[in-house]
């Protein structure tokens, strides 16, 4: 079997050699100031962004999407401004149709939940 021989390229650098190419030194670029600057006029907002506050305390209840769709449909059909107005009206109608015993129980539960909410 013959032995392999490698012909080393004479132009190839070894790892010990330093690079022959010298790099130009890069000087620091001074920061320039613009000739003119644009100053945006300050806009004063007449109204606050977001939902208007009416000194009411809100809480949330979890209902299914289908129930939400029914509430929205009723709200638009009966021309109520908010879902809150619709629900208040519906609850008032149910309250008026309660029997005497149911009204007593309703008032007891309402008082209990109201007191619990104050804590």
N, C-alpha and C. Protein backbone atom coordinates (compact mmCIF):
# COMPACT_ATOMS: atom_id res chain seq x y z
N UNK A 1 0.83 -1.16 0.00
CA UNK A 1 0.00 0.00 0.00
C UNK A 1 0.88 1.24 0.00
N UNK A 2 0.47 2.20 -0.78
CA UNK A 2 1.30 3.40 -0.88
C UNK A 2 0.93 4.41 0.19
N UNK A 3 1.91 5.16 0.60
CA UNK A 3 1.71 6.16 1.63
C UNK A 3 1.24 7.45 0.99
N UNK A 4 0.26 8.11 1.63
CA UNK A 4 -0.24 9.36 1.08
C UNK A 4 0.70 10.50 1.43
N UNK A 5 0.88 11.37 0.48
CA UNK A 5 1.71 12.55 0.72
C UNK A 5 0.88 13.79 0.47
N UNK A 6 1.09 14.75 1.32
CA UNK A 6 0.36 16.00 1.18
C UNK A 6 1.32 17.07 0.71
N UNK A 7 0.89 17.80 -0.29
CA UNK A 7 1.69 18.92 -0.77
C UNK A 7 1.14 20.19 -0.12
N UNK A 8 1.93 20.75 0.76
CA UNK A 8 1.50 21.94 1.48
C UNK A 8 1.63 23.15 0.57
N UNK A 9 0.57 23.96 0.57
CA UNK A 9 0.56 25.16 -0.24
C UNK A 9 1.46 26.19 0.41
N UNK A 10 2.36 26.77 -0.38
CA UNK A 10 3.30 27.75 0.16
C UNK A 10 2.63 29.06 0.52
N UNK A 11 1.54 29.37 -0.13
CA UNK A 11 0.87 30.65 0.11
C UNK A 11 -0.07 30.62 1.32
N UNK A 12 -0.30 29.45 1.83
CA UNK A 12 -1.22 29.31 2.97
C UNK A 12 -0.53 29.73 4.26
N UNK A 13 -1.30 30.47 5.12
CA UNK A 13 -0.73 30.97 6.38
C UNK A 13 -0.82 29.90 7.44
N UNK A 14 0.07 29.98 8.37
CA UNK A 14 -0.01 29.09 9.53
C UNK A 14 -0.73 29.84 10.64
N UNK A 15 -1.10 29.14 11.67
CA UNK A 15 -1.85 29.78 12.75
C UNK A 15 -0.99 30.75 13.56
N UNK A 16 0.29 30.59 13.51
CA UNK A 16 1.18 31.46 14.29
C UNK A 16 1.43 32.80 13.63
N UNK A 17 1.19 32.89 12.36
CA UNK A 17 1.48 34.14 11.64
C UNK A 17 0.42 35.19 11.94
N UNK A 18 0.86 36.43 11.95
CA UNK A 18 -0.06 37.55 12.15
C UNK A 18 -0.64 37.93 10.78
N UNK A 19 -1.84 38.50 10.79
CA UNK A 19 -2.40 38.90 9.50
C UNK A 19 -1.56 39.99 8.87
N UNK A 20 -1.37 39.88 7.59
CA UNK A 20 -0.52 40.84 6.88
C UNK A 20 -1.27 42.12 6.58
N UNK A 21 -2.59 42.07 6.55
CA UNK A 21 -3.37 43.25 6.22
C UNK A 21 -3.53 44.12 7.47
N UNK A 22 -3.24 45.39 7.35
CA UNK A 22 -3.40 46.33 8.45
C UNK A 22 -4.71 47.09 8.25
N UNK A 23 -5.45 47.22 9.35
CA UNK A 23 -6.72 47.91 9.27
C UNK A 23 -6.55 49.37 9.65
N UNK A 24 -7.30 50.22 8.97
CA UNK A 24 -7.27 51.65 9.29
C UNK A 24 -8.02 51.88 10.59
N UNK A 25 -7.50 52.74 11.39
CA UNK A 25 -8.15 53.04 12.65
C UNK A 25 -9.37 53.92 12.39
N UNK A 26 -10.50 53.58 13.03
CA UNK A 26 -11.73 54.34 12.84
C UNK A 26 -11.83 55.35 13.98
N UNK A 27 -11.94 56.61 13.60
CA UNK A 27 -12.03 57.67 14.60
C UNK A 27 -13.48 57.84 15.04
N UNK A 28 -13.65 58.33 16.26
CA UNK A 28 -14.98 58.53 16.80
C UNK A 28 -15.68 59.65 16.05
N UNK A 29 -16.95 59.42 15.71
CA UNK A 29 -17.74 60.41 14.98
C UNK A 29 -18.38 61.37 15.98
N UNK A 30 -18.14 62.66 15.81
CA UNK A 30 -18.76 63.62 16.74
C UNK A 30 -20.27 63.70 16.51
N UNK A 31 -21.01 63.86 17.58
CA UNK A 31 -22.47 63.98 17.48
C UNK A 31 -22.80 65.38 16.99
N UNK A 32 -23.62 65.42 15.94
CA UNK A 32 -23.97 66.72 15.36
C UNK A 32 -25.33 67.17 15.87
N UNK A 33 -25.52 68.47 15.91
CA UNK A 33 -26.79 69.05 16.34
C UNK A 33 -27.57 69.44 15.09
N UNK A 34 -28.90 69.22 15.10
CA UNK A 34 -29.70 69.61 13.93
C UNK A 34 -29.81 71.12 13.82
N UNK A 35 -29.95 71.59 12.58
CA UNK A 35 -30.09 73.03 12.38
C UNK A 35 -31.45 73.52 12.90
N UNK A 36 -32.51 72.76 12.61
CA UNK A 36 -33.86 73.11 13.05
C UNK A 36 -34.46 71.90 13.75
N UNK A 37 -35.33 72.17 14.70
CA UNK A 37 -36.06 71.08 15.35
C UNK A 37 -37.55 71.39 15.27
N UNK A 38 -38.34 70.33 15.24
CA UNK A 38 -39.79 70.49 15.19
C UNK A 38 -40.35 70.31 16.59
N UNK A 39 -41.13 71.27 17.02
CA UNK A 39 -41.77 71.18 18.31
C UNK A 39 -43.26 70.98 18.08
N UNK A 40 -43.77 69.85 18.53
CA UNK A 40 -45.19 69.54 18.36
C UNK A 40 -46.01 70.40 19.32
N UNK A 41 -47.10 70.95 18.82
CA UNK A 41 -47.95 71.75 19.71
C UNK A 41 -48.62 70.84 20.73
N UNK A 42 -48.77 71.32 21.95
CA UNK A 42 -49.41 70.53 22.99
C UNK A 42 -50.92 70.59 22.79
N UNK A 43 -51.53 69.41 22.78
CA UNK A 43 -52.97 69.32 22.57
C UNK A 43 -53.63 69.13 23.92
N UNK A 44 -54.57 70.00 24.20
CA UNK A 44 -55.30 69.88 25.46
C UNK A 44 -56.57 69.09 25.19
N UNK A 45 -56.77 68.04 25.96
CA UNK A 45 -57.96 67.21 25.78
C UNK A 45 -59.09 67.77 26.62
N UNK A 46 -60.24 67.92 25.98
CA UNK A 46 -61.41 68.42 26.69
C UNK A 46 -62.10 67.30 27.44
N UNK A 47 -62.01 66.08 26.88
CA UNK A 47 -62.64 64.93 27.54
C UNK A 47 -61.57 63.93 27.91
N UNK A 48 -61.84 63.19 28.95
CA UNK A 48 -60.92 62.16 29.37
C UNK A 48 -61.13 60.93 28.51
N UNK A 49 -60.07 60.19 28.31
CA UNK A 49 -60.19 58.97 27.54
C UNK A 49 -60.80 57.87 28.39
N UNK A 50 -61.41 56.92 27.73
CA UNK A 50 -61.96 55.78 28.44
C UNK A 50 -63.44 55.92 28.71
N UNK A 51 -63.93 55.01 29.50
CA UNK A 51 -65.34 54.95 29.83
C UNK A 51 -65.68 56.03 30.85
N UNK A 52 -66.81 56.74 30.66
CA UNK A 52 -67.16 57.79 31.61
C UNK A 52 -67.55 57.20 32.97
N UNK A 53 -67.11 57.83 34.02
CA UNK A 53 -67.42 57.39 35.37
C UNK A 53 -68.62 58.18 35.88
N UNK A 54 -69.52 57.47 36.52
CA UNK A 54 -70.71 58.14 37.06
C UNK A 54 -70.85 57.87 38.54
N UNK A 55 -69.71 57.77 39.22
CA UNK A 55 -69.69 57.51 40.66
C UNK A 55 -70.48 56.25 41.02
N UNK A 56 -70.34 55.24 40.18
CA UNK A 56 -70.98 53.96 40.43
C UNK A 56 -69.90 52.93 40.68
N UNK A 57 -70.24 51.95 41.47
CA UNK A 57 -69.32 50.86 41.74
C UNK A 57 -69.77 49.67 40.90
N UNK A 58 -68.85 49.11 40.12
CA UNK A 58 -69.18 48.02 39.22
C UNK A 58 -68.59 46.72 39.72
N UNK A 59 -69.25 45.64 39.39
CA UNK A 59 -68.70 44.31 39.61
C UNK A 59 -69.08 43.49 38.38
N UNK A 60 -68.51 42.31 38.27
CA UNK A 60 -68.80 41.51 37.09
C UNK A 60 -69.42 40.19 37.49
N UNK A 61 -70.20 39.64 36.58
CA UNK A 61 -70.77 38.32 36.77
C UNK A 61 -70.37 37.47 35.56
N UNK A 62 -70.25 36.18 35.77
CA UNK A 62 -69.89 35.29 34.68
C UNK A 62 -71.16 34.71 34.07
N UNK A 63 -71.34 35.00 32.79
CA UNK A 63 -72.48 34.43 32.08
C UNK A 63 -71.98 33.86 30.77
N UNK A 64 -72.75 32.96 30.21
CA UNK A 64 -72.35 32.33 28.96
C UNK A 64 -72.50 33.30 27.81
N UNK A 65 -71.76 33.02 26.73
CA UNK A 65 -71.77 33.89 25.55
C UNK A 65 -73.19 33.99 24.97
N UNK A 66 -73.92 32.90 24.97
CA UNK A 66 -75.28 32.92 24.41
C UNK A 66 -76.18 33.85 25.23
N UNK A 67 -75.99 33.87 26.54
CA UNK A 67 -76.78 34.77 27.39
C UNK A 67 -76.40 36.23 27.12
N UNK A 68 -75.13 36.47 26.92
CA UNK A 68 -74.68 37.82 26.59
C UNK A 68 -75.32 38.28 25.28
N UNK A 69 -75.36 37.40 24.32
CA UNK A 69 -75.98 37.75 23.03
C UNK A 69 -77.47 38.04 23.20
N UNK A 70 -78.15 37.28 24.06
CA UNK A 70 -79.57 37.53 24.31
C UNK A 70 -79.76 38.89 24.98
N UNK A 71 -78.90 39.22 25.94
CA UNK A 71 -79.00 40.52 26.63
C UNK A 71 -78.78 41.66 25.64
N UNK A 72 -77.77 41.53 24.79
CA UNK A 72 -77.50 42.57 23.79
C UNK A 72 -78.66 42.73 22.82
N UNK A 73 -79.26 41.62 22.40
CA UNK A 73 -80.40 41.68 21.48
C UNK A 73 -81.58 42.38 22.15
N UNK A 74 -81.85 42.03 23.41
CA UNK A 74 -82.95 42.69 24.14
C UNK A 74 -82.69 44.17 24.33
N UNK A 75 -81.44 44.50 24.65
CA UNK A 75 -81.07 45.90 24.86
C UNK A 75 -81.34 46.72 23.61
N UNK A 76 -80.91 46.21 22.46
CA UNK A 76 -81.11 46.94 21.20
C UNK A 76 -82.58 46.96 20.78
N UNK A 77 -83.31 45.88 21.03
CA UNK A 77 -84.73 45.82 20.66
C UNK A 77 -85.55 46.80 21.48
N UNK A 78 -85.29 46.86 22.77
CA UNK A 78 -86.08 47.70 23.67
C UNK A 78 -85.50 49.11 23.85
N UNK A 79 -84.45 49.43 23.12
CA UNK A 79 -83.83 50.77 23.11
C UNK A 79 -83.35 51.22 24.48
N UNK A 80 -82.67 50.34 25.21
CA UNK A 80 -82.02 50.73 26.46
C UNK A 80 -80.61 51.23 26.14
N UNK A 81 -80.15 52.24 26.88
CA UNK A 81 -78.81 52.78 26.64
C UNK A 81 -77.73 51.77 27.02
N UNK A 82 -77.89 51.13 28.16
CA UNK A 82 -76.86 50.21 28.65
C UNK A 82 -77.47 48.87 29.04
N UNK A 83 -76.64 47.88 29.16
CA UNK A 83 -77.08 46.58 29.65
C UNK A 83 -77.57 46.71 31.09
N UNK A 84 -76.93 47.57 31.84
CA UNK A 84 -77.32 47.80 33.23
C UNK A 84 -78.77 48.26 33.32
N UNK A 85 -79.16 49.19 32.46
CA UNK A 85 -80.53 49.69 32.46
C UNK A 85 -81.52 48.57 32.14
N UNK A 86 -81.18 47.74 31.18
CA UNK A 86 -82.05 46.62 30.81
C UNK A 86 -82.23 45.66 31.97
N UNK A 87 -81.14 45.29 32.61
CA UNK A 87 -81.20 44.32 33.71
C UNK A 87 -81.97 44.90 34.89
N UNK A 88 -81.78 46.18 35.18
CA UNK A 88 -82.53 46.83 36.26
C UNK A 88 -84.03 46.76 35.98
N UNK A 89 -84.41 47.06 34.74
CA UNK A 89 -85.83 47.03 34.37
C UNK A 89 -86.39 45.62 34.49
N UNK A 90 -85.66 44.63 34.01
CA UNK A 90 -86.13 43.24 34.09
C UNK A 90 -86.24 42.78 35.54
N UNK A 91 -85.27 43.15 36.37
CA UNK A 91 -85.33 42.76 37.79
C UNK A 91 -86.50 43.43 38.50
N UNK A 92 -86.79 44.68 38.16
CA UNK A 92 -87.93 45.37 38.76
C UNK A 92 -89.24 44.67 38.41
N UNK A 93 -89.36 44.21 37.16
CA UNK A 93 -90.58 43.51 36.75
C UNK A 93 -90.72 42.19 37.49
N UNK A 94 -89.61 41.49 37.68
CA UNK A 94 -89.65 40.22 38.42
C UNK A 94 -89.98 40.48 39.88
N UNK A 95 -89.40 41.51 40.47
CA UNK A 95 -89.67 41.87 41.87
C UNK A 95 -91.15 42.15 42.10
N UNK A 96 -91.76 42.85 41.15
CA UNK A 96 -93.18 43.20 41.29
C UNK A 96 -94.09 41.98 41.18
N UNK A 97 -93.61 40.93 40.56
CA UNK A 97 -94.45 39.75 40.38
C UNK A 97 -94.23 38.69 41.47
N UNK A 98 -93.39 38.97 42.47
CA UNK A 98 -93.12 38.01 43.55
C UNK A 98 -94.32 37.91 44.50
N UNK A 99 -94.49 36.73 45.07
CA UNK A 99 -95.53 36.55 46.09
C UNK A 99 -95.03 37.15 47.41
N UNK A 100 -95.88 37.20 48.41
CA UNK A 100 -95.52 37.81 49.70
C UNK A 100 -94.37 37.06 50.36
N UNK A 101 -94.42 35.73 50.36
CA UNK A 101 -93.34 34.94 50.96
C UNK A 101 -92.02 35.13 50.21
N UNK A 102 -92.12 35.16 48.90
CA UNK A 102 -90.91 35.35 48.09
C UNK A 102 -90.32 36.73 48.32
N UNK A 103 -91.15 37.75 48.50
CA UNK A 103 -90.65 39.11 48.76
C UNK A 103 -89.89 39.17 50.09
N UNK A 104 -90.43 38.46 51.11
CA UNK A 104 -89.75 38.44 52.41
C UNK A 104 -88.37 37.79 52.26
N UNK A 105 -88.33 36.65 51.57
CA UNK A 105 -87.05 35.96 51.35
C UNK A 105 -86.09 36.83 50.52
N UNK A 106 -86.64 37.49 49.51
CA UNK A 106 -85.82 38.36 48.66
C UNK A 106 -85.19 39.48 49.48
N UNK A 107 -85.97 40.12 50.32
CA UNK A 107 -85.45 41.22 51.15
C UNK A 107 -84.39 40.73 52.13
N UNK A 108 -84.58 39.53 52.67
CA UNK A 108 -83.58 38.96 53.59
C UNK A 108 -82.26 38.69 52.85
N UNK A 109 -82.37 38.06 51.70
CA UNK A 109 -81.16 37.79 50.90
C UNK A 109 -80.47 39.09 50.47
N UNK A 110 -81.27 40.06 50.03
CA UNK A 110 -80.70 41.33 49.58
C UNK A 110 -79.96 42.03 50.71
N UNK A 111 -80.56 42.02 51.91
CA UNK A 111 -79.91 42.64 53.07
C UNK A 111 -78.61 41.91 53.41
N UNK A 112 -78.63 40.58 53.34
CA UNK A 112 -77.43 39.79 53.63
C UNK A 112 -76.31 40.10 52.64
N UNK A 113 -76.65 40.09 51.35
CA UNK A 113 -75.62 40.35 50.33
C UNK A 113 -75.12 41.80 50.38
N UNK A 114 -75.99 42.73 50.73
CA UNK A 114 -75.59 44.14 50.84
C UNK A 114 -74.61 44.31 52.00
N UNK A 115 -74.92 43.68 53.14
CA UNK A 115 -74.02 43.78 54.30
C UNK A 115 -72.68 43.10 54.01
N UNK A 116 -72.71 41.99 53.31
CA UNK A 116 -71.46 41.29 52.98
C UNK A 116 -70.59 42.14 52.04
N UNK A 117 -71.23 42.90 51.17
CA UNK A 117 -70.50 43.74 50.23
C UNK A 117 -69.83 44.94 50.87
N UNK A 118 -70.33 45.36 52.03
CA UNK A 118 -69.76 46.53 52.72
C UNK A 118 -68.45 46.20 53.43
N UNK A 119 -68.23 44.92 53.74
CA UNK A 119 -67.03 44.53 54.50
C UNK A 119 -65.79 44.63 53.69
